[in-house]
């Protein structure tokens, strides 16, 4: 998104994924608009690699897709008997042992997990279709800014599958169990208006304003001291798994660390 990042050249550019870094902001771009940024195991490995290549200076990561769609989900080639070249097909996976199948899906999921790290804040800039794996990739980020033409849909259940790319946990956390079940079971589209109303998205803007709005949000996030933001994100991420009393303890411990650090008494 920043011209200086482009001038420096991408840190990674392979298999439909490009990573650029401009000081404290990294941008991960899905770069196959002719296929509406359809996803594959190769793309997932590239996303995992992008996470590993982030420099320590990065505080905000923006995820975006080139073209009219953020990501139309899993490439349809995955559903053919032969699958992707050099990759196990769905039939091959089903015929394998439990441990092998579990390990393969776990590897795929790694592309969707690092966005939740406490040392970064991730923002998905979502336009057009975000379907299935595309929906789950947007859900992997901390924040979502959507264009007014966005259409989220979770189609896995309609195909006889389940959402298995880490999307179920954040979806339930954002919109609640009943609405999450209805969205997944029906496979219907969720519009920009509904996504903001239900908390699925932070805000919706005209498509022409999407990149600029995300840029402004990234700048606002950088205004907060890094260590304070890291502690705050960790507190909020863990809140849903703690009792009220446990959260009070966690708040006290985090604040003690911040006060000691500000007083120059930190380790």
C-alpha atoms as a PDB file:
ATOM      1  CA  UNK A   1       0.000   0.000   0.000  1.00  0.00           C
ATOM      2  CA  UNK A   2       2.934   2.356   0.631  1.00  0.00           C
ATOM      3  CA  UNK A   3       5.052   3.384  -2.339  1.00  0.00           C
ATOM      4  CA  UNK A   4       8.281   3.204  -0.367  1.00  0.00           C
ATOM      5  CA  UNK A   5       7.595  -0.451   0.385  1.00  0.00           C
ATOM      6  CA  UNK A   6       7.201  -1.106  -3.309  1.00  0.00           C
ATOM      7  CA  UNK A   7      10.441   0.816  -4.054  1.00  0.00           C
ATOM      8  CA  UNK A   8      12.318  -1.428  -1.654  1.00  0.00           C
ATOM      9  CA  UNK A   9      10.926  -4.481  -3.375  1.00  0.00           C
ATOM     10  CA  UNK A  10       8.861  -7.261  -1.841  1.00  0.00           C
ATOM     11  CA  UNK A  11      10.213  -9.371   0.995  1.00  0.00           C
ATOM     12  CA  UNK A  12       8.251 -12.274  -0.489  1.00  0.00           C
ATOM     13  CA  UNK A  13       6.454 -12.692  -3.805  1.00  0.00           C
ATOM     14  CA  UNK A  14       5.387 -16.258  -4.622  1.00  0.00           C
ATOM     15  CA  UNK A  15       2.369 -18.521  -5.102  1.00  0.00           C
ATOM     16  CA  UNK A  16      -0.141 -15.676  -5.093  1.00  0.00           C
ATOM     17  CA  UNK A  17       1.227 -13.894  -2.003  1.00  0.00           C
ATOM     18  CA  UNK A  18       3.303 -10.720  -1.827  1.00  0.00           C
ATOM     19  CA  UNK A  19       4.782  -9.285   1.388  1.00  0.00           C
ATOM     20  CA  UNK A  20       6.070  -5.711   1.470  1.00  0.00           C
ATOM     21  CA  UNK A  21       7.383  -3.841   4.498  1.00  0.00           C
ATOM     22  CA  UNK A  22       7.424  -0.098   5.074  1.00  0.00           C
ATOM     23  CA  UNK A  23       8.990   0.481   8.499  1.00  0.00           C
ATOM     24  CA  UNK A  24       6.343  -0.483  11.091  1.00  0.00           C
ATOM     25  CA  UNK A  25       3.649  -1.493   8.569  1.00  0.00           C
ATOM     26  CA  UNK A  26       3.724  -4.705   6.560  1.00  0.00           C
ATOM     27  CA  UNK A  27       1.295  -5.433   3.748  1.00  0.00           C
ATOM     28  CA  UNK A  28       0.376  -8.951   2.672  1.00  0.00           C
ATOM     29  CA  UNK A  29      -1.361  -8.938  -0.693  1.00  0.00           C
ATOM     30  CA  UNK A  30      -3.153 -11.786  -2.445  1.00  0.00           C
ATOM     31  CA  UNK A  31      -2.009 -11.378  -6.040  1.00  0.00           C
ATOM     32  CA  UNK A  32      -4.129 -13.586  -8.293  1.00  0.00           C
ATOM     33  CA  UNK A  33      -7.114 -11.390  -9.182  1.00  0.00           C
ATOM     34  CA  UNK A  34      -7.894 -13.322 -12.379  1.00  0.00           C
ATOM     35  CA  UNK A  35      -8.914 -16.258 -10.149  1.00  0.00           C
ATOM     36  CA  UNK A  36     -10.442 -13.940  -7.523  1.00  0.00           C
ATOM     37  CA  UNK A  37      -7.514 -14.808  -5.239  1.00  0.00           C
ATOM     38  CA  UNK A  38      -8.591 -18.422  -4.911  1.00  0.00           C
ATOM     39  CA  UNK A  39      -6.577 -20.315  -2.327  1.00  0.00           C
ATOM     40  CA  UNK A  40      -4.431 -23.448  -2.480  1.00  0.00           C
ATOM     41  CA  UNK A  41      -1.975 -25.298  -0.231  1.00  0.00           C
ATOM     42  CA  UNK A  42       0.881 -23.472  -1.989  1.00  0.00           C
ATOM     43  CA  UNK A  43      -0.713 -20.124  -1.145  1.00  0.00           C
ATOM     44  CA  UNK A  44      -1.178 -21.219   2.462  1.00  0.00           C
ATOM     45  CA  UNK A  45       2.497 -22.142   2.724  1.00  0.00           C
ATOM     46  CA  UNK A  46       3.406 -18.741   1.294  1.00  0.00           C
ATOM     47  CA  UNK A  47       1.191 -17.016   3.878  1.00  0.00           C
ATOM     48  CA  UNK A  48       2.884 -19.003   6.649  1.00  0.00           C
ATOM     49  CA  UNK A  49       6.279 -17.979   5.277  1.00  0.00           C
ATOM     50  CA  UNK A  50       5.189 -14.338   5.177  1.00  0.00           C
ATOM     51  CA  UNK A  51       4.469 -14.487   8.894  1.00  0.00           C
ATOM     52  CA  UNK A  52       7.894 -15.942   9.604  1.00  0.00           C
ATOM     53  CA  UNK A  53       9.610 -13.265   7.515  1.00  0.00           C
ATOM     54  CA  UNK A  54       8.100 -10.278   9.337  1.00  0.00           C
ATOM     55  CA  UNK A  55      10.879  -8.021  10.655  1.00  0.00           C
ATOM     56  CA  UNK A  56      10.806  -7.149  14.336  1.00  0.00           C
ATOM     57  CA  UNK A  57      10.064  -3.522  13.459  1.00  0.00           C
ATOM     58  CA  UNK A  58       6.593  -4.399  12.164  1.00  0.00           C
ATOM     59  CA  UNK A  59       3.693  -3.420  14.421  1.00  0.00           C
ATOM     60  CA  UNK A  60       0.742  -3.485  12.006  1.00  0.00           C
ATOM     61  CA  UNK A  61       0.063  -6.013   9.236  1.00  0.00           C
ATOM     62  CA  UNK A  62      -2.467  -5.210   6.521  1.00  0.00           C
ATOM     63  CA  UNK A  63      -3.986  -8.064   4.529  1.00  0.00           C
ATOM     64  CA  UNK A  64      -5.560  -7.197   1.192  1.00  0.00           C
ATOM     65  CA  UNK A  65      -6.495  -8.795  -2.109  1.00  0.00           C
ATOM     66  CA  UNK A  66      -5.902  -7.421  -5.590  1.00  0.00           C
ATOM     67  CA  UNK A  67      -8.860  -7.034  -7.907  1.00  0.00           C
ATOM     68  CA  UNK A  68     -12.581  -7.040  -7.290  1.00  0.00           C
ATOM     69  CA  UNK A  69     -12.615  -9.865  -4.718  1.00  0.00           C
ATOM     70  CA  UNK A  70     -10.680 -10.351  -1.500  1.00  0.00           C
ATOM     71  CA  UNK A  71     -10.728 -14.146  -1.947  1.00  0.00           C
ATOM     72  CA  UNK A  72     -13.343 -16.422  -3.448  1.00  0.00           C
ATOM     73  CA  UNK A  73     -12.180 -19.305  -1.262  1.00  0.00           C
ATOM     74  CA  UNK A  74     -10.565 -22.612  -2.046  1.00  0.00           C
ATOM     75  CA  UNK A  75      -9.558 -23.083  -5.683  1.00  0.00           C
ATOM     76  CA  UNK A  76     -12.103 -25.396  -7.322  1.00  0.00           C
ATOM     77  CA  UNK A  77      -9.245 -27.569  -8.565  1.00  0.00           C
ATOM     78  CA  UNK A  78      -9.100 -28.929  -5.006  1.00  0.00           C
ATOM     79  CA  UNK A  79     -12.401 -30.686  -5.625  1.00  0.00           C
ATOM     80  CA  UNK A  80     -11.227 -32.559  -8.711  1.00  0.00           C
ATOM     81  CA  UNK A  81     -10.023 -36.169  -8.364  1.00  0.00           C
ATOM     82  CA  UNK A  82      -6.441 -35.196  -9.169  1.00  0.00           C
ATOM     83  CA  UNK A  83      -6.357 -32.066  -6.995  1.00  0.00           C
ATOM     84  CA  UNK A  84      -3.359 -29.743  -7.300  1.00  0.00           C
ATOM     85  CA  UNK A  85      -0.113 -30.794  -8.947  1.00  0.00           C
ATOM     86  CA  UNK A  86       2.265 -32.159  -6.344  1.00  0.00           C
ATOM     87  CA  UNK A  87      -0.335 -32.004  -3.590  1.00  0.00           C
ATOM     88  CA  UNK A  88      -2.467 -34.770  -2.049  1.00  0.00           C
ATOM     89  CA  UNK A  89      -6.026 -34.652  -3.355  1.00  0.00           C
ATOM     90  CA  UNK A  90      -8.988 -34.704  -0.987  1.00  0.00           C
ATOM     91  CA  UNK A  91      -9.424 -38.367  -1.833  1.00  0.00           C
ATOM     92  CA  UNK A  92      -5.761 -39.049  -1.017  1.00  0.00           C
ATOM     93  CA  UNK A  93      -6.135 -37.242   2.304  1.00  0.00           C
ATOM     94  CA  UNK A  94      -9.258 -39.211   3.174  1.00  0.00           C
ATOM     95  CA  UNK A  95      -7.471 -42.491   2.470  1.00  0.00           C
ATOM     96  CA  UNK A  96      -4.536 -41.611   4.713  1.00  0.00           C
ATOM     97  CA  UNK A  97      -4.185 -42.396   8.380  1.00  0.00           C
ATOM     98  CA  UNK A  98      -5.665 -40.215  11.110  1.00  0.00           C
ATOM     99  CA  UNK A  99      -2.309 -38.786  12.175  1.00  0.00           C
ATOM    100  CA  UNK A 100      -1.311 -37.922   8.610  1.00  0.00           C
ATOM    101  CA  UNK A 101      -4.655 -36.260   7.880  1.00  0.00           C
ATOM    102  CA  UNK A 102      -4.526 -34.284  11.121  1.00  0.00           C
ATOM    103  CA  UNK A 103      -0.956 -33.137  10.438  1.00  0.00           C
ATOM    104  CA  UNK A 104      -1.833 -31.980   6.919  1.00  0.00           C
ATOM    105  CA  UNK A 105      -4.800 -29.891   8.069  1.00  0.00           C
ATOM    106  CA  UNK A 106      -2.695 -28.489  10.932  1.00  0.00           C
ATOM    107  CA  UNK A 107      -0.095 -27.375   8.379  1.00  0.00           C
ATOM    108  CA  UNK A 108      -2.781 -25.633   6.329  1.00  0.00           C
ATOM    109  CA  UNK A 109      -4.087 -23.879   9.471  1.00  0.00           C
ATOM    110  CA  UNK A 110      -0.686 -22.301  10.182  1.00  0.00           C
ATOM    111  CA  UNK A 111      -1.381 -19.769   7.439  1.00  0.00           C
ATOM    112  CA  UNK A 112      -4.315 -18.511   9.499  1.00  0.00           C
ATOM    113  CA  UNK A 113      -2.843 -18.425  13.014  1.00  0.00           C
ATOM    114  CA  UNK A 114       0.052 -15.960  13.100  1.00  0.00           C
ATOM    115  CA  UNK A 115      -2.199 -12.944  12.486  1.00  0.00           C
ATOM    116  CA  UNK A 116      -3.286 -13.202  16.142  1.00  0.00           C
ATOM    117  CA  UNK A 117       0.234 -12.727  17.571  1.00  0.00           C
ATOM    118  CA  UNK A 118       0.279 -10.229  20.439  1.00  0.00           C
ATOM    119  CA  UNK A 119       3.227  -8.244  19.022  1.00  0.00           C
ATOM    120  CA  UNK A 120       1.276  -7.143  15.925  1.00  0.00           C
ATOM    121  CA  UNK A 121      -2.189  -5.873  15.085  1.00  0.00           C
ATOM    122  CA  UNK A 122      -3.571  -7.306  11.847  1.00  0.00           C
ATOM    123  CA  UNK A 123      -6.157  -5.591   9.648  1.00  0.00           C
ATOM    124  CA  UNK A 124      -8.030  -7.279   6.814  1.00  0.00           C
ATOM    125  CA  UNK A 125      -9.122  -4.911   4.037  1.00  0.00           C
ATOM    126  CA  UNK A 126     -11.980  -6.843   2.449  1.00  0.00           C
ATOM    127  CA  UNK A 127     -13.810  -6.096  -0.785  1.00  0.00           C
ATOM    128  CA  UNK A 128     -16.114  -8.139  -2.983  1.00  0.00           C
ATOM    129  CA  UNK A 129     -16.314 -11.843  -2.279  1.00  0.00           C
ATOM    130  CA  UNK A 130     -14.773 -13.342   0.872  1.00  0.00           C
ATOM    131  CA  UNK A 131     -16.031 -16.905   0.688  1.00  0.00           C
ATOM    132  CA  UNK A 132     -15.081 -20.014   2.645  1.00  0.00           C
ATOM    133  CA  UNK A 133     -11.319 -19.944   3.106  1.00  0.00           C
ATOM    134  CA  UNK A 134     -11.470 -16.260   2.141  1.00  0.00           C
ATOM    135  CA  UNK A 135     -13.956 -15.571   4.931  1.00  0.00           C
ATOM    136  CA  UNK A 136     -11.782 -17.507   7.363  1.00  0.00           C
ATOM    137  CA  UNK A 137      -8.667 -15.586   6.327  1.00  0.00           C
ATOM    138  CA  UNK A 138     -10.450 -12.302   7.045  1.00  0.00           C
ATOM    139  CA  UNK A 139     -11.564 -13.746  10.401  1.00  0.00           C
ATOM    140  CA  UNK A 140      -7.935 -14.617  11.203  1.00  0.00           C
ATOM    141  CA  UNK A 141      -7.112 -10.913  11.502  1.00  0.00           C
ATOM    142  CA  UNK A 142      -7.723  -8.754  14.556  1.00  0.00           C
ATOM    143  CA  UNK A 143      -9.723  -6.104  12.688  1.00  0.00           C
ATOM    144  CA  UNK A 144     -11.758  -6.018   9.504  1.00  0.00           C
ATOM    145  CA  UNK A 145     -12.489  -2.967   7.366  1.00  0.00           C
ATOM    146  CA  UNK A 146     -14.875  -3.780   4.528  1.00  0.00           C
ATOM    147  CA  UNK A 147     -15.927  -2.182   1.283  1.00  0.00           C
ATOM    148  CA  UNK A 148     -19.634  -1.566   0.827  1.00  0.00           C
ATOM    149  CA  UNK A 149     -19.724  -4.311  -1.835  1.00  0.00           C
ATOM    150  CA  UNK A 150     -18.386  -7.041   0.460  1.00  0.00           C
ATOM    151  CA  UNK A 151     -20.072 -10.441   0.531  1.00  0.00           C
ATOM    152  CA  UNK A 152     -18.980 -12.863   3.226  1.00  0.00           C
ATOM    153  CA  UNK A 153     -20.119 -16.487   3.015  1.00  0.00           C
ATOM    154  CA  UNK A 154     -19.130 -19.736   4.723  1.00  0.00           C
ATOM    155  CA  UNK A 155     -19.850 -22.402   2.111  1.00  0.00           C
ATOM    156  CA  UNK A 156     -18.021 -25.395   3.602  1.00  0.00           C
ATOM    157  CA  UNK A 157     -21.101 -26.943   5.226  1.00  0.00           C
ATOM    158  CA  UNK A 158     -22.997 -26.688   1.943  1.00  0.00           C
ATOM    159  CA  UNK A 159     -20.218 -28.757   0.340  1.00  0.00           C
ATOM    160  CA  UNK A 160     -20.443 -31.475   2.994  1.00  0.00           C
ATOM    161  CA  UNK A 161     -17.394 -30.147   4.855  1.00  0.00           C
ATOM    162  CA  UNK A 162     -16.797 -27.934   7.905  1.00  0.00           C
ATOM    163  CA  UNK A 163     -14.865 -24.665   8.259  1.00  0.00           C
ATOM    164  CA  UNK A 164     -11.479 -25.973   9.421  1.00  0.00           C
ATOM    165  CA  UNK A 165      -9.103 -23.072   8.786  1.00  0.00           C
ATOM    166  CA  UNK A 166      -9.505 -21.574  12.292  1.00  0.00           C
ATOM    167  CA  UNK A 167     -12.581 -19.525  11.385  1.00  0.00           C
ATOM    168  CA  UNK A 168     -15.154 -21.002  13.764  1.00  0.00           C
ATOM    169  CA  UNK A 169     -13.643 -19.644  16.997  1.00  0.00           C
ATOM    170  CA  UNK A 170     -13.445 -15.972  15.969  1.00  0.00           C
ATOM    171  CA  UNK A 171     -16.802 -16.144  14.175  1.00  0.00           C
ATOM    172  CA  UNK A 172     -18.619 -17.307  17.316  1.00  0.00           C
ATOM    173  CA  UNK A 173     -16.708 -14.745  19.385  1.00  0.00           C
ATOM    174  CA  UNK A 174     -17.731 -11.923  17.065  1.00  0.00           C
ATOM    175  CA  UNK A 175     -21.378 -12.681  16.249  1.00  0.00           C
ATOM    176  CA  UNK A 176     -22.441 -15.286  18.834  1.00  0.00           C
ATOM    177  CA  UNK A 177     -23.249 -18.981  18.526  1.00  0.00           C
ATOM    178  CA  UNK A 178     -26.745 -18.748  17.034  1.00  0.00           C
ATOM    179  CA  UNK A 179     -25.856 -16.331  14.250  1.00  0.00           C
ATOM    180  CA  UNK A 180     -22.583 -18.168  13.527  1.00  0.00           C
ATOM    181  CA  UNK A 181     -24.484 -21.445  13.177  1.00  0.00           C
ATOM    182  CA  UNK A 182     -27.054 -19.879  10.873  1.00  0.00           C
ATOM    183  CA  UNK A 183     -24.348 -18.279   8.683  1.00  0.00           C
ATOM    184  CA  UNK A 184     -22.414 -21.545   8.369  1.00  0.00           C
ATOM    185  CA  UNK A 185     -25.412 -23.841   7.967  1.00  0.00           C
ATOM    186  CA  UNK A 186     -27.119 -21.777   5.264  1.00  0.00           C
ATOM    187  CA  UNK A 187     -24.007 -20.568   3.433  1.00  0.00           C
ATOM    188  CA  UNK A 188     -25.772 -17.272   2.792  1.00  0.00           C
ATOM    189  CA  UNK A 189     -24.067 -13.965   2.031  1.00  0.00           C
ATOM    190  CA  UNK A 190     -23.395 -11.458   4.809  1.00  0.00           C
ATOM    191  CA  UNK A 191     -23.404  -7.889   3.527  1.00  0.00           C
ATOM    192  CA  UNK A 192     -21.337  -4.919   4.644  1.00  0.00           C
ATOM    193  CA  UNK A 193     -24.260  -3.457   6.611  1.00  0.00           C
ATOM    194  CA  UNK A 194     -24.889  -6.686   8.515  1.00  0.00           C
ATOM    195  CA  UNK A 195     -21.186  -7.283   9.125  1.00  0.00           C
ATOM    196  CA  UNK A 196     -20.821  -3.920  10.856  1.00  0.00           C
ATOM    197  CA  UNK A 197     -24.131  -4.275  12.728  1.00  0.00           C
ATOM    198  CA  UNK A 198     -23.147  -7.675  14.162  1.00  0.00           C
ATOM    199  CA  UNK A 199     -19.537  -6.777  14.984  1.00  0.00           C
ATOM    200  CA  UNK A 200     -18.064  -8.933  12.242  1.00  0.00           C
ATOM    201  CA  UNK A 201     -16.475  -5.817  10.716  1.00  0.00           C
ATOM    202  CA  UNK A 202     -15.223  -2.688  12.425  1.00  0.00           C
ATOM    203  CA  UNK A 203     -16.452  -0.353   9.715  1.00  0.00           C
ATOM    204  CA  UNK A 204     -17.623  -0.252   6.110  1.00  0.00           C
ATOM    205  CA  UNK A 205     -16.595   2.336   3.521  1.00  0.00           C
ATOM    206  CA  UNK A 206     -17.015   2.870  -0.228  1.00  0.00           C
ATOM    207  CA  UNK A 207     -14.720   0.547  -2.155  1.00  0.00           C
ATOM    208  CA  UNK A 208     -12.706   3.498  -3.496  1.00  0.00           C
ATOM    209  CA  UNK A 209     -11.894   4.551   0.078  1.00  0.00           C
ATOM    210  CA  UNK A 210     -10.896   1.121   1.413  1.00  0.00           C
ATOM    211  CA  UNK A 211      -7.104   1.388   1.149  1.00  0.00           C
ATOM    212  CA  UNK A 212      -6.991   4.961   2.469  1.00  0.00           C
ATOM    213  CA  UNK A 213      -9.221   4.079   5.419  1.00  0.00           C
ATOM    214  CA  UNK A 214      -7.045   1.107   6.351  1.00  0.00           C
ATOM    215  CA  UNK A 215      -3.956   3.290   6.029  1.00  0.00           C
ATOM    216  CA  UNK A 216      -5.483   5.815   8.450  1.00  0.00           C
ATOM    217  CA  UNK A 217      -6.400   3.050  10.894  1.00  0.00           C
ATOM    218  CA  UNK A 218      -2.879   1.641  10.761  1.00  0.00           C
ATOM    219  CA  UNK A 219      -1.498   5.076  11.530  1.00  0.00           C
ATOM    220  CA  UNK A 220      -3.825   5.468  14.507  1.00  0.00           C
ATOM    221  CA  UNK A 221      -2.698   2.104  15.878  1.00  0.00           C
ATOM    222  CA  UNK A 222       0.933   3.154  15.608  1.00  0.00           C
ATOM    223  CA  UNK A 223       0.236   6.214  17.772  1.00  0.00           C
ATOM    224  CA  UNK A 224      -0.038   4.050  20.899  1.00  0.00           C
ATOM    225  CA  UNK A 225       3.181   2.950  22.663  1.00  0.00           C
ATOM    226  CA  UNK A 226       4.087  -0.499  21.369  1.00  0.00           C
ATOM    227  CA  UNK A 227       4.459  -2.296  24.713  1.00  0.00           C
ATOM    228  CA  UNK A 228       1.177  -0.919  26.029  1.00  0.00           C
ATOM    229  CA  UNK A 229      -0.643  -2.088  22.903  1.00  0.00           C
ATOM    230  CA  UNK A 230       0.948  -5.540  23.135  1.00  0.00           C
ATOM    231  CA  UNK A 231      -0.181  -5.911  26.756  1.00  0.00           C
ATOM    232  CA  UNK A 232      -3.683  -4.612  25.942  1.00  0.00           C
ATOM    233  CA  UNK A 233      -4.125  -6.983  23.015  1.00  0.00           C
ATOM    234  CA  UNK A 234      -2.990  -9.937  25.139  1.00  0.00           C
ATOM    235  CA  UNK A 235      -5.444  -8.943  27.881  1.00  0.00           C
ATOM    236  CA  UNK A 236      -8.364  -8.692  25.486  1.00  0.00           C
ATOM    237  CA  UNK A 237      -7.493 -11.867  23.575  1.00  0.00           C
ATOM    238  CA  UNK A 238      -7.397 -13.869  26.792  1.00  0.00           C
ATOM    239  CA  UNK A 239     -10.492 -12.337  28.346  1.00  0.00           C
ATOM    240  CA  UNK A 240     -12.974 -14.766  26.813  1.00  0.00           C
ATOM    241  CA  UNK A 241     -11.113 -17.731  28.310  1.00  0.00           C
ATOM    242  CA  UNK A 242     -10.857 -16.250  31.825  1.00  0.00           C
ATOM    243  CA  UNK A 243     -13.380 -15.713  34.555  1.00  0.00           C
ATOM    244  CA  UNK A 244     -14.065 -12.169  35.712  1.00  0.00           C
ATOM    245  CA  UNK A 245     -11.844 -12.740  38.743  1.00  0.00           C
ATOM    246  CA  UNK A 246      -9.057 -14.212  36.611  1.00  0.00           C
ATOM    247  CA  UNK A 247      -9.235 -11.238  34.277  1.00  0.00           C
ATOM    248  CA  UNK A 248      -8.857  -8.850  37.235  1.00  0.00           C
ATOM    249  CA  UNK A 249      -5.677 -10.697  38.215  1.00  0.00           C
ATOM    250  CA  UNK A 250      -4.376 -10.535  34.644  1.00  0.00           C
ATOM    251  CA  UNK A 251      -5.085  -6.782  34.503  1.00  0.00           C
ATOM    252  CA  UNK A 252      -3.181  -6.178  37.726  1.00  0.00           C
ATOM    253  CA  UNK A 253      -0.181  -8.181  36.553  1.00  0.00           C
ATOM    254  CA  UNK A 254      -0.096  -6.404  33.193  1.00  0.00           C
ATOM    255  CA  UNK A 255      -0.381  -2.987  34.802  1.00  0.00           C
ATOM    256  CA  UNK A 256       2.396  -3.802  37.260  1.00  0.00           C
ATOM    257  CA  UNK A 257       4.652  -4.612  34.314  1.00  0.00           C
ATOM    258  CA  UNK A 258       3.743  -1.366  32.575  1.00  0.00           C
ATOM    259  CA  UNK A 259       4.284   0.774  35.684  1.00  0.00           C
ATOM    260  CA  UNK A 260       7.662  -0.776  36.379  1.00  0.00           C
ATOM    261  CA  UNK A 261       8.689  -0.327  32.770  1.00  0.00           C
ATOM    262  CA  UNK A 262       7.625   3.336  32.741  1.00  0.00           C
ATOM    263  CA  UNK A 263       9.522   3.878  35.987  1.00  0.00           C
ATOM    264  CA  UNK A 264      12.640   2.360  34.440  1.00  0.00           C
ATOM    265  CA  UNK A 265      12.454  -0.667  36.721  1.00  0.00           C
ATOM    266  CA  UNK A 266      11.625  -3.259  34.092  1.00  0.00           C
ATOM    267  CA  UNK A 267      13.811  -6.275  33.482  1.00  0.00           C
END
